[in-house]
Amino acid sequence: MFTRISFLIWTVFMAISTNGSAQSTNRQIVPIEHWQTKNGINVYFVQAHEIPIVDLSVVFSAGSSFDGEHAGLATLTNAMLDEGTKQLSSDEIAQAFDDVGAQLRSGVELDYAHVSLRSMSDKKFLDPAVSVFSDLINNPTFPHADFKRLQQQVLRALQEQEQEPGTIAELAFYSALYNTGPYSKPSLGTPETVRQLSVEDLVRFYKHHYTASNAHIVLVGDLKRPDAEKLAEKILGDLPRGDNTYALKLSDSHFNSSVKNIRFPSAQTHILIGQRAIPRLSADYFPLSVGNQILGGGILTSRLYKTVREKGGLAYSVYSYFDAMKMPGPFIIGLQTRNEQAKNAIKLARETLANYVTQGPTAEELDEAKNNLINGFPLRLASNKAILANVVNITTYGLPLDYLDTYRDHIRNVSAEDIKASFQRHINPKSLVTITVGNSIF
């Protein structure tokens, strides 16, 4: 097996030597092993023996898109998992991890929640770390005093967000784009919804979503397959099987083009422009990804940068991206500009998008975009944590297990015609949501 350093050198060499041509470099770069625990939980494992570390993540269908009317519920539930179990207090949990040099991380995205652990692979460190890790997932007690403390922390964080124009713009954008649907609510919640939450709400959410049928385990690190199998059985223990989490649905099949200007005392205006685009499993994912590299993904080479920044002098930075999720995620153009330039910056950004959708990329732009994506690919796998994040993405969105092995070939196979056709299918420059936050005058 290659070491990470030799892999990095080898991949860069292969990417440069082919210069983005159609020549295949399809190799098994990240061998992902897959099986199920006795409780029917899917496990995905990548052996990496270069350093004596194990990274693992348990992923649940428990993201903030499942909050319903209780925005902030998923985030608070996830944050409370290490605040106490039937056997250990929050201080004892923290001390137990500290004693063996282990690191606990958890978090909530729109589509999923995770609880993750990094530990040295030696059994004298790994076994006690996993025991505590398993305990906090299987047996959280949601102590009332700790709940009130975290609830107040969230309320203070929400107050701070009111002074962040970028966050204000993002929240308004998702609200306008998704109406009252699952992606419309802020993951942290609102002051009103967070104040209304109770421990009982968190317990109900935990029992419904933190179940074996809604979980999968990802392991990366210095383990052999038999040890990984034993570890996977131990992590979730006797977690109830439960029911599959209900399927998400958008509130409606369309959104309304709109402009919302939010007054904010600042020298610059934050601008977001976009619309609903594609789910992660869309057949157009790769053409749109390569196409967006040309439009606004390249830091200094994109069309938006060259027109809005270099030629127009209207923004220090400008970017675009597709955030493809389980349901159609957004396409976003973002920039900041001086208040008096906001109107012209928006006009130029929209014109650049419209021209690109109509014309598609040039051959030179396409070659440059492919080379950038291919040559940057090794950085996506340069550490165990990076591999873990990629495998979590693969398993969460149902991508093929050879996704990383075939990634570069998918990029190479994208044509200019593919990009033009996919943008015309999914992006309508006449139907956009535009959000501004600042002191601009329109």
Protein backbone atom coordinates (compact mmCIF):
# COMPACT_ATOMS: atom_id res chain seq x y z
CA MET A 1 0.00 0.00 0.00
CA PHE A 2 1.24 3.50 -0.86
CA THR A 3 2.06 5.86 1.96
CA ARG A 4 0.15 9.17 1.88
CA ILE A 5 3.31 10.99 0.73
CA SER A 6 4.04 8.57 -2.08
CA PHE A 7 0.39 8.67 -3.11
CA LEU A 8 0.47 12.46 -3.24
CA ILE A 9 3.59 12.51 -5.41
CA TRP A 10 2.27 9.76 -7.66
CA THR A 11 -1.12 11.40 -8.21
CA VAL A 12 0.36 14.80 -8.97
CA PHE A 13 2.75 13.18 -11.47
CA MET A 14 -0.07 11.30 -13.18
CA ALA A 15 -2.27 14.39 -13.33
CA ILE A 16 0.48 16.53 -14.82
CA SER A 17 1.74 13.88 -17.23
CA THR A 18 -1.70 13.36 -18.77
CA ASN A 19 -2.33 17.15 -18.83
CA GLY A 20 -6.08 16.63 -18.50
CA SER A 21 -6.34 14.39 -21.56
CA ALA A 22 -8.81 11.57 -22.03
CA GLN A 23 -6.22 8.99 -20.99
CA SER A 24 -7.62 6.96 -18.09
CA THR A 25 -5.87 6.94 -14.73
CA ASN A 26 -8.62 4.92 -13.10
CA ARG A 27 -6.99 3.09 -10.21
CA GLN A 28 -8.18 1.95 -6.80
CA ILE A 29 -6.90 4.91 -4.83
CA VAL A 30 -9.05 4.51 -1.72
CA PRO A 31 -10.16 0.89 -1.21
CA ILE A 32 -13.39 1.16 0.79
CA GLU A 33 -14.44 -2.04 2.51
CA HIS A 34 -18.12 -2.45 3.38
CA TRP A 35 -20.17 -4.73 5.62
CA GLN A 36 -23.06 -4.65 8.09
CA THR A 37 -23.03 -5.13 11.86
CA LYS A 38 -25.24 -7.72 13.53
CA ASN A 39 -27.71 -4.91 14.06
CA GLY A 40 -27.84 -4.16 10.33
CA ILE A 41 -25.75 -0.97 10.47
CA ASN A 42 -23.68 -0.25 7.36
CA VAL A 43 -19.95 0.06 8.02
CA TYR A 44 -17.37 1.57 5.64
CA PHE A 45 -13.69 1.04 6.36
CA VAL A 46 -10.44 2.31 4.86
CA GLN A 47 -7.18 0.83 6.13
CA ALA A 48 -4.43 3.43 6.59
CA HIS A 49 -1.41 2.18 8.54
CA GLU A 50 0.96 5.09 7.91
CA ILE A 51 0.28 6.71 11.30
CA PRO A 52 -1.00 5.01 14.50
CA ILE A 53 -4.32 6.83 14.46
CA VAL A 54 -7.95 5.80 14.04
CA ASP A 55 -10.58 8.28 12.86
CA LEU A 56 -14.19 7.24 13.02
CA SER A 57 -17.55 8.87 12.50
CA VAL A 58 -21.09 7.74 13.20
CA VAL A 59 -23.48 9.50 10.84
CA PHE A 60 -27.21 9.77 11.54
CA SER A 61 -30.15 10.99 9.46
CA ALA A 62 -30.62 13.66 12.08
CA GLY A 63 -29.73 16.90 10.35
CA SER A 64 -31.43 20.24 10.87
CA SER A 65 -33.70 19.62 7.87
CA PHE A 66 -35.59 17.28 10.21
CA ASP A 67 -36.32 20.05 12.73
CA GLY A 68 -39.84 20.63 11.48
CA GLU A 69 -41.32 23.63 13.29
CA HIS A 70 -38.68 23.42 16.03
CA ALA A 71 -35.67 25.07 14.38
CA GLY A 72 -32.51 24.38 16.37
CA LEU A 73 -33.75 21.03 17.72
CA ALA A 74 -31.25 18.85 15.84
CA THR A 75 -28.32 21.07 16.80
CA LEU A 76 -29.15 21.13 20.52
CA THR A 77 -29.83 17.37 20.58
CA ASN A 78 -26.45 16.64 19.02
CA ALA A 79 -24.66 19.07 21.35
CA MET A 80 -26.19 17.42 24.42
CA LEU A 81 -24.89 13.90 23.71
CA ASP A 82 -21.66 14.39 25.70
CA GLU A 83 -23.30 16.24 28.58
CA GLY A 84 -23.87 13.08 30.59
CA THR A 85 -24.72 9.38 30.38
CA LYS A 86 -26.16 6.85 32.80
CA GLN A 87 -22.61 6.16 34.00
CA LEU A 88 -20.65 9.39 33.46
CA SER A 89 -21.04 13.13 33.97
CA SER A 90 -19.93 15.62 31.32
CA ASP A 91 -16.74 16.32 33.29
CA GLU A 92 -15.98 12.60 33.55
CA ILE A 93 -16.54 12.16 29.81
CA ALA A 94 -14.13 14.98 29.02
CA GLN A 95 -11.55 13.65 31.47
CA ALA A 96 -11.80 10.11 30.08
CA PHE A 97 -11.00 11.33 26.57
CA ASP A 98 -8.23 13.57 27.85
CA ASP A 99 -6.63 10.67 29.75
CA VAL A 100 -6.06 8.72 26.51
CA GLY A 101 -5.42 11.69 24.20
CA ALA A 102 -8.64 11.17 22.23
CA GLN A 103 -10.60 13.93 20.51
CA LEU A 104 -14.39 14.07 20.26
CA ARG A 105 -16.16 16.08 17.57
CA SER A 106 -19.81 16.37 16.66
CA GLY A 107 -21.92 18.54 14.43
CA VAL A 108 -25.08 19.01 12.44
CA GLU A 109 -25.50 19.69 8.73
CA LEU A 110 -28.77 20.14 6.86
CA ASP A 111 -28.92 16.49 5.75
CA TYR A 112 -27.20 14.68 8.61
CA ALA A 113 -25.60 14.80 12.05
CA HIS A 114 -22.37 13.12 13.09
CA VAL A 115 -20.47 12.14 16.19
CA SER A 116 -16.76 11.57 15.52
CA LEU A 117 -13.69 10.35 17.39
CA ARG A 118 -9.94 10.47 16.80
CA SER A 119 -7.78 8.16 18.90
CA MET A 120 -4.39 6.50 18.86
CA SER A 121 -4.75 2.98 17.50
CA ASP A 122 -2.98 1.21 20.37
CA LYS A 123 -5.67 -0.79 22.19
CA LYS A 124 -4.74 0.67 25.58
CA PHE A 125 -5.82 4.07 24.23
CA LEU A 126 -8.43 3.09 21.64
CA ASP A 127 -10.53 0.69 23.73
CA PRO A 128 -11.30 3.10 26.60
CA ALA A 129 -11.92 5.95 24.15
CA VAL A 130 -14.41 3.86 22.16
CA SER A 131 -16.12 2.69 25.35
CA VAL A 132 -16.87 6.27 26.38
CA PHE A 133 -17.74 7.21 22.80
CA SER A 134 -20.22 4.34 22.61
CA ASP A 135 -21.70 5.23 25.99
CA LEU A 136 -22.49 8.83 25.07
CA ILE A 137 -24.21 7.78 21.83
CA ASN A 138 -26.18 4.90 23.34
CA ASN A 139 -26.99 6.28 26.79
CA PRO A 140 -27.28 10.09 26.88
CA THR A 141 -29.34 11.44 29.78
CA PHE A 142 -29.86 15.05 28.66
CA PRO A 143 -29.40 16.66 32.11
CA HIS A 144 -31.76 19.60 32.56
CA ALA A 145 -29.15 21.99 34.00
CA ASP A 146 -26.77 21.35 31.09
CA PHE A 147 -29.63 21.80 28.63
CA LYS A 148 -30.44 25.24 30.08
CA ARG A 149 -26.76 26.22 29.87
CA LEU A 150 -26.45 25.17 26.20
CA GLN A 151 -29.78 26.79 25.39
CA GLN A 152 -28.45 30.10 26.70
CA GLN A 153 -25.23 29.67 24.73
CA VAL A 154 -27.24 29.20 21.53
CA LEU A 155 -29.34 32.29 22.30
CA ARG A 156 -26.16 34.34 22.77
CA ALA A 157 -24.77 32.99 19.50
CA LEU A 158 -27.99 34.01 17.74
CA GLN A 159 -27.61 37.53 19.13
CA GLU A 160 -24.08 37.69 17.76
CA GLN A 161 -25.32 36.56 14.34
CA GLU A 162 -27.52 39.65 14.19
CA GLN A 163 -24.29 41.66 13.83
CA GLU A 164 -22.89 39.50 11.02
CA PRO A 165 -24.08 40.72 7.59
CA GLY A 166 -22.81 37.59 5.85
CA THR A 167 -24.88 35.36 8.10
CA ILE A 168 -27.92 37.63 7.77
CA ALA A 169 -27.65 37.36 3.98
CA GLU A 170 -27.31 33.56 4.06
CA LEU A 171 -30.32 33.06 6.32
CA ALA A 172 -32.46 35.36 4.17
CA PHE A 173 -31.30 33.59 1.01
CA TYR A 174 -32.27 30.11 2.21
CA SER A 175 -35.58 31.39 3.53
CA ALA A 176 -36.45 33.00 0.19
CA LEU A 177 -35.27 30.00 -1.82
CA TYR A 178 -36.97 27.23 0.16
CA ASN A 179 -40.00 29.03 1.61
CA THR A 180 -41.12 26.90 4.57
CA GLY A 181 -39.40 23.70 3.41
CA PRO A 182 -36.79 21.61 5.27
CA TYR A 183 -33.84 23.64 3.99
CA SER A 184 -35.38 27.01 4.84
CA LYS A 185 -34.72 27.10 8.60
CA PRO A 186 -31.40 28.05 10.24
CA SER A 187 -29.59 25.08 11.80
CA LEU A 188 -28.99 27.04 14.99
CA GLY A 189 -32.65 27.96 15.19
CA THR A 190 -34.23 31.31 15.96
CA PRO A 191 -34.56 32.99 19.37
CA GLU A 192 -38.25 32.12 19.41
CA THR A 193 -37.90 28.45 18.53
CA VAL A 194 -34.87 27.86 20.77
CA ARG A 195 -36.63 29.38 23.81
CA GLN A 196 -39.57 27.04 23.23
CA LEU A 197 -37.44 23.87 23.22
CA SER A 198 -37.44 21.52 26.19
CA VAL A 199 -35.47 18.48 27.30
CA GLU A 200 -38.49 16.37 26.36
CA ASP A 201 -38.28 17.67 22.78
CA LEU A 202 -34.61 16.63 22.59
CA VAL A 203 -35.32 13.17 24.01
CA ARG A 204 -38.07 12.58 21.45
CA PHE A 205 -35.82 13.70 18.59
CA TYR A 206 -33.00 11.48 19.84
CA LYS A 207 -35.22 8.40 20.13
CA HIS A 208 -36.63 8.90 16.67
CA HIS A 209 -33.44 9.77 14.77
CA TYR A 210 -30.50 8.28 16.67
CA THR A 211 -31.35 4.70 15.78
CA ALA A 212 -29.57 1.84 14.06
CA SER A 213 -31.74 2.15 10.93
CA ASN A 214 -30.72 5.80 10.58
CA ALA A 215 -26.99 5.31 11.18
CA HIS A 216 -23.85 4.29 9.36
CA ILE A 217 -20.27 4.02 10.59
CA VAL A 218 -17.14 5.20 8.81
CA LEU A 219 -13.70 4.01 9.99
CA VAL A 220 -10.34 5.20 8.65
CA GLY A 221 -7.00 4.32 10.12
CA ASP A 222 -4.52 1.92 11.59
CA LEU A 223 -6.73 -1.15 11.95
CA LYS A 224 -6.98 -4.57 10.35
CA ARG A 225 -10.35 -5.79 9.11
CA PRO A 226 -11.09 -8.17 12.05
CA ASP A 227 -10.34 -5.43 14.58
CA ALA A 228 -12.46 -2.95 12.62
CA GLU A 229 -15.38 -5.40 12.66
CA LYS A 230 -15.13 -5.81 16.44
CA LEU A 231 -14.88 -2.06 16.88
CA ALA A 232 -17.97 -1.42 14.76
CA GLU A 233 -20.01 -3.89 16.80
CA LYS A 234 -18.94 -2.10 19.97
CA ILE A 235 -19.66 1.46 18.88
CA LEU A 236 -23.43 1.36 18.69
CA GLY A 237 -23.95 -1.58 21.02
CA ASP A 238 -27.64 -2.30 21.42
CA LEU A 239 -28.91 0.91 19.88
CA PRO A 240 -32.59 0.26 18.97
CA ARG A 241 -33.24 -0.54 15.33
CA GLY A 242 -35.98 2.08 15.06
CA ASP A 243 -37.72 3.24 11.89
CA ASN A 244 -36.13 4.83 8.86
CA THR A 245 -36.32 8.60 9.08
CA TYR A 246 -39.07 9.98 6.93
CA ALA A 247 -38.15 11.25 3.48
CA LEU A 248 -37.61 14.97 3.05
CA LYS A 249 -39.83 16.92 0.70
CA LEU A 250 -39.62 20.47 -0.57
CA SER A 251 -42.55 22.66 0.38
CA ASP A 252 -43.33 23.10 -3.32
CA SER A 253 -41.79 22.33 -6.68
CA HIS A 254 -40.85 25.91 -7.50
CA PHE A 255 -39.60 29.12 -6.00
CA ASN A 256 -40.34 32.72 -6.81
CA SER A 257 -37.76 35.05 -8.27
CA SER A 258 -37.29 37.85 -5.76
CA VAL A 259 -35.07 40.67 -4.54
CA LYS A 260 -34.71 41.51 -0.85
CA ASN A 261 -32.63 44.44 0.37
CA ILE A 262 -31.84 44.36 4.09
CA ARG A 263 -30.56 47.56 5.64
CA PHE A 264 -27.40 47.14 7.72
CA PRO A 265 -24.93 49.79 8.98
CA SER A 266 -21.82 48.79 7.07
CA ALA A 267 -19.46 50.25 4.48
CA GLN A 268 -19.93 47.21 2.23
CA THR A 269 -22.93 45.34 0.91
CA HIS A 270 -23.03 41.54 1.09
CA ILE A 271 -24.75 40.06 -1.96
CA LEU A 272 -26.07 36.54 -2.66
CA ILE A 273 -27.67 35.61 -5.98
CA GLY A 274 -28.95 32.17 -6.92
CA GLN A 275 -31.66 29.57 -7.26
CA ARG A 276 -32.46 25.93 -6.54
CA ALA A 277 -30.31 23.60 -8.60
CA ILE A 278 -29.57 19.87 -8.24
CA PRO A 279 -29.53 17.00 -5.75
CA ARG A 280 -26.20 15.30 -5.17
CA LEU A 281 -27.14 12.27 -7.28
CA SER A 282 -27.96 14.35 -10.36
CA ALA A 283 -26.48 13.03 -13.60
CA ASP A 284 -25.38 16.61 -14.29
CA TYR A 285 -23.22 16.89 -11.17
CA PHE A 286 -19.86 16.64 -12.95
CA PRO A 287 -20.70 18.94 -15.89
CA LEU A 288 -21.99 21.55 -13.43
CA SER A 289 -18.94 21.13 -11.18
CA VAL A 290 -16.48 21.63 -14.03
CA GLY A 291 -18.62 24.40 -15.46
CA ASN A 292 -18.76 26.21 -12.16
CA GLN A 293 -14.97 26.05 -11.87
CA ILE A 294 -14.96 28.21 -14.98
CA LEU A 295 -17.81 30.49 -13.93
CA GLY A 296 -16.88 31.25 -10.33
CA GLY A 297 -15.00 28.40 -8.68
CA GLY A 298 -11.51 29.38 -9.77
CA ILE A 299 -10.09 31.89 -7.32
CA LEU A 300 -8.26 34.10 -9.83
CA THR A 301 -9.27 32.56 -13.15
CA SER A 302 -13.06 32.49 -13.18
CA ARG A 303 -15.28 34.55 -15.47
CA LEU A 304 -16.96 36.23 -12.53
CA TYR A 305 -13.59 37.24 -11.06
CA LYS A 306 -12.34 38.59 -14.37
CA THR A 307 -15.50 40.58 -15.14
CA VAL A 308 -16.69 41.76 -11.72
CA ARG A 309 -13.31 42.15 -10.02
CA GLU A 310 -10.67 42.77 -12.68
CA LYS A 311 -12.60 44.60 -15.42
CA GLY A 312 -15.35 46.17 -13.32
CA GLY A 313 -13.37 46.79 -10.16
CA LEU A 314 -16.62 46.19 -8.28
CA ALA A 315 -15.60 43.59 -5.70
CA TYR A 316 -12.51 42.32 -3.93
CA SER A 317 -13.69 38.73 -4.39
CA VAL A 318 -16.56 37.04 -6.17
CA TYR A 319 -17.40 33.34 -6.32
CA SER A 320 -20.05 30.79 -7.21
CA TYR A 321 -20.78 27.20 -6.24
CA PHE A 322 -23.34 24.39 -6.28
CA ASP A 323 -24.25 22.93 -2.88
CA ALA A 324 -25.80 19.67 -4.01
CA MET A 325 -27.63 17.84 -1.21
CA LYS A 326 -30.22 15.07 -0.81
CA MET A 327 -32.82 17.39 -2.27
CA PRO A 328 -32.02 20.06 -4.87
CA GLY A 329 -29.47 22.28 -3.20
CA PRO A 330 -28.72 25.88 -4.12
CA PHE A 331 -26.59 27.44 -6.79
CA ILE A 332 -25.04 30.59 -5.28
CA ILE A 333 -23.11 33.61 -6.53
CA GLY A 334 -21.61 35.62 -3.68
CA LEU A 335 -19.71 38.89 -3.46
CA GLN A 336 -19.09 41.95 -1.31
CA THR A 337 -18.80 45.47 -2.66
CA ARG A 338 -18.96 49.09 -1.56
CA ASN A 339 -22.52 50.24 -0.95
CA GLU A 340 -22.52 52.68 -3.85
CA GLN A 341 -21.35 49.94 -6.26
CA ALA A 342 -23.86 47.26 -5.29
CA LYS A 343 -26.36 47.93 -8.08
CA ASN A 344 -23.72 47.80 -10.81
CA ALA A 345 -22.04 44.72 -9.26
CA ILE A 346 -25.32 42.81 -9.25
CA LYS A 347 -26.02 43.81 -12.84
CA LEU A 348 -22.59 42.69 -14.03
CA ALA A 349 -22.72 39.39 -12.12
CA ARG A 350 -26.12 38.56 -13.58
CA GLU A 351 -24.98 39.48 -17.10
CA THR A 352 -21.91 37.28 -16.72
CA LEU A 353 -24.08 34.37 -15.65
CA ALA A 354 -26.55 34.89 -18.49
CA ASN A 355 -23.80 35.04 -21.10
CA TYR A 356 -22.19 31.90 -19.73
CA VAL A 357 -25.46 29.94 -19.75
CA THR A 358 -26.05 31.00 -23.34
CA GLN A 359 -22.54 30.51 -24.70
CA GLY A 360 -20.94 27.84 -22.52
CA PRO A 361 -17.16 27.67 -21.97
CA THR A 362 -14.32 28.04 -24.43
CA ALA A 363 -11.97 25.14 -25.11
CA GLU A 364 -9.18 26.96 -23.28
CA GLU A 365 -11.36 27.55 -20.22
CA LEU A 366 -12.42 23.91 -20.19
CA ASP A 367 -8.85 22.58 -20.31
CA GLU A 368 -7.74 24.93 -17.54
CA ALA A 369 -10.68 23.98 -15.31
CA LYS A 370 -10.08 20.26 -15.77
CA ASN A 371 -6.39 20.59 -14.99
CA ASN A 372 -7.10 22.64 -11.87
CA LEU A 373 -9.59 20.10 -10.53
CA ILE A 374 -7.43 17.10 -11.39
CA ASN A 375 -4.21 18.58 -10.03
CA GLY A 376 -5.96 19.65 -6.84
CA PHE A 377 -7.44 16.21 -6.28
CA PRO A 378 -4.57 14.83 -4.12
CA LEU A 379 -5.20 17.49 -1.47
CA ARG A 380 -8.65 16.00 -0.94
CA LEU A 381 -7.02 12.77 0.28
CA ALA A 382 -3.88 14.06 1.96
CA SER A 383 -4.84 13.00 5.50
CA ASN A 384 -6.94 10.43 7.31
CA LYS A 385 -9.40 13.16 8.29
CA ALA A 386 -9.74 14.19 4.66
CA ILE A 387 -10.38 10.60 3.62
CA LEU A 388 -12.93 10.23 6.43
CA ALA A 389 -14.80 13.32 5.25
CA ASN A 390 -14.88 12.04 1.66
CA VAL A 391 -16.15 8.61 2.68
CA VAL A 392 -18.83 10.20 4.89
CA ASN A 393 -19.94 12.17 1.84
CA ILE A 394 -19.98 9.01 -0.29
CA THR A 395 -22.05 7.04 2.20
CA THR A 396 -24.42 9.86 3.12
CA TYR A 397 -25.42 10.59 -0.46
CA GLY A 398 -25.34 7.05 -1.82
CA LEU A 399 -22.42 7.54 -4.18
CA PRO A 400 -20.63 4.47 -5.59
CA LEU A 401 -17.80 3.16 -3.43
CA ASP A 402 -15.35 3.69 -6.30
CA TYR A 403 -16.30 7.38 -6.52
CA LEU A 404 -12.82 8.61 -5.54
CA ASP A 405 -11.15 6.12 -7.87
CA THR A 406 -13.16 7.32 -10.87
CA TYR A 407 -13.36 11.03 -9.97
CA ARG A 408 -10.64 12.22 -12.35
CA ASP A 409 -12.02 10.24 -15.28
CA HIS A 410 -15.45 11.81 -14.71
CA ILE A 411 -13.80 15.23 -14.82
CA ARG A 412 -11.86 14.40 -18.00
CA ASN A 413 -14.99 13.13 -19.76
CA VAL A 414 -16.90 16.41 -19.38
CA SER A 415 -17.23 18.29 -22.68
CA ALA A 416 -18.06 21.93 -23.39
CA GLU A 417 -21.40 20.76 -24.81
CA ASP A 418 -22.14 18.88 -21.55
CA ILE A 419 -21.53 22.03 -19.53
CA LYS A 420 -23.64 24.26 -21.74
CA ALA A 421 -26.52 21.78 -21.79
CA SER A 422 -26.47 21.15 -18.04
CA PHE A 423 -26.39 24.86 -17.18
CA GLN A 424 -29.29 25.49 -19.54
CA ARG A 425 -31.26 22.66 -17.91
CA HIS A 426 -30.75 23.84 -14.35
CA ILE A 427 -29.96 27.57 -14.31
CA ASN A 428 -32.43 30.23 -15.43
CA PRO A 429 -30.77 33.68 -15.30
CA LYS A 430 -34.21 35.31 -15.43
CA SER A 431 -35.41 33.52 -12.29
CA LEU A 432 -33.05 34.32 -9.43
CA VAL A 433 -33.24 35.15 -5.76
CA THR A 434 -31.12 38.19 -4.87
CA ILE A 435 -30.31 39.18 -1.29
CA THR A 436 -28.37 42.28 -0.28
CA VAL A 437 -27.32 43.28 3.26
CA GLY A 438 -25.82 46.72 3.67
CA ASN A 439 -26.43 50.45 3.20
CA SER A 440 -26.91 50.36 -0.54
CA ILE A 441 -29.46 52.60 -2.21
CA PHE A 442 -31.48 50.99 -5.03
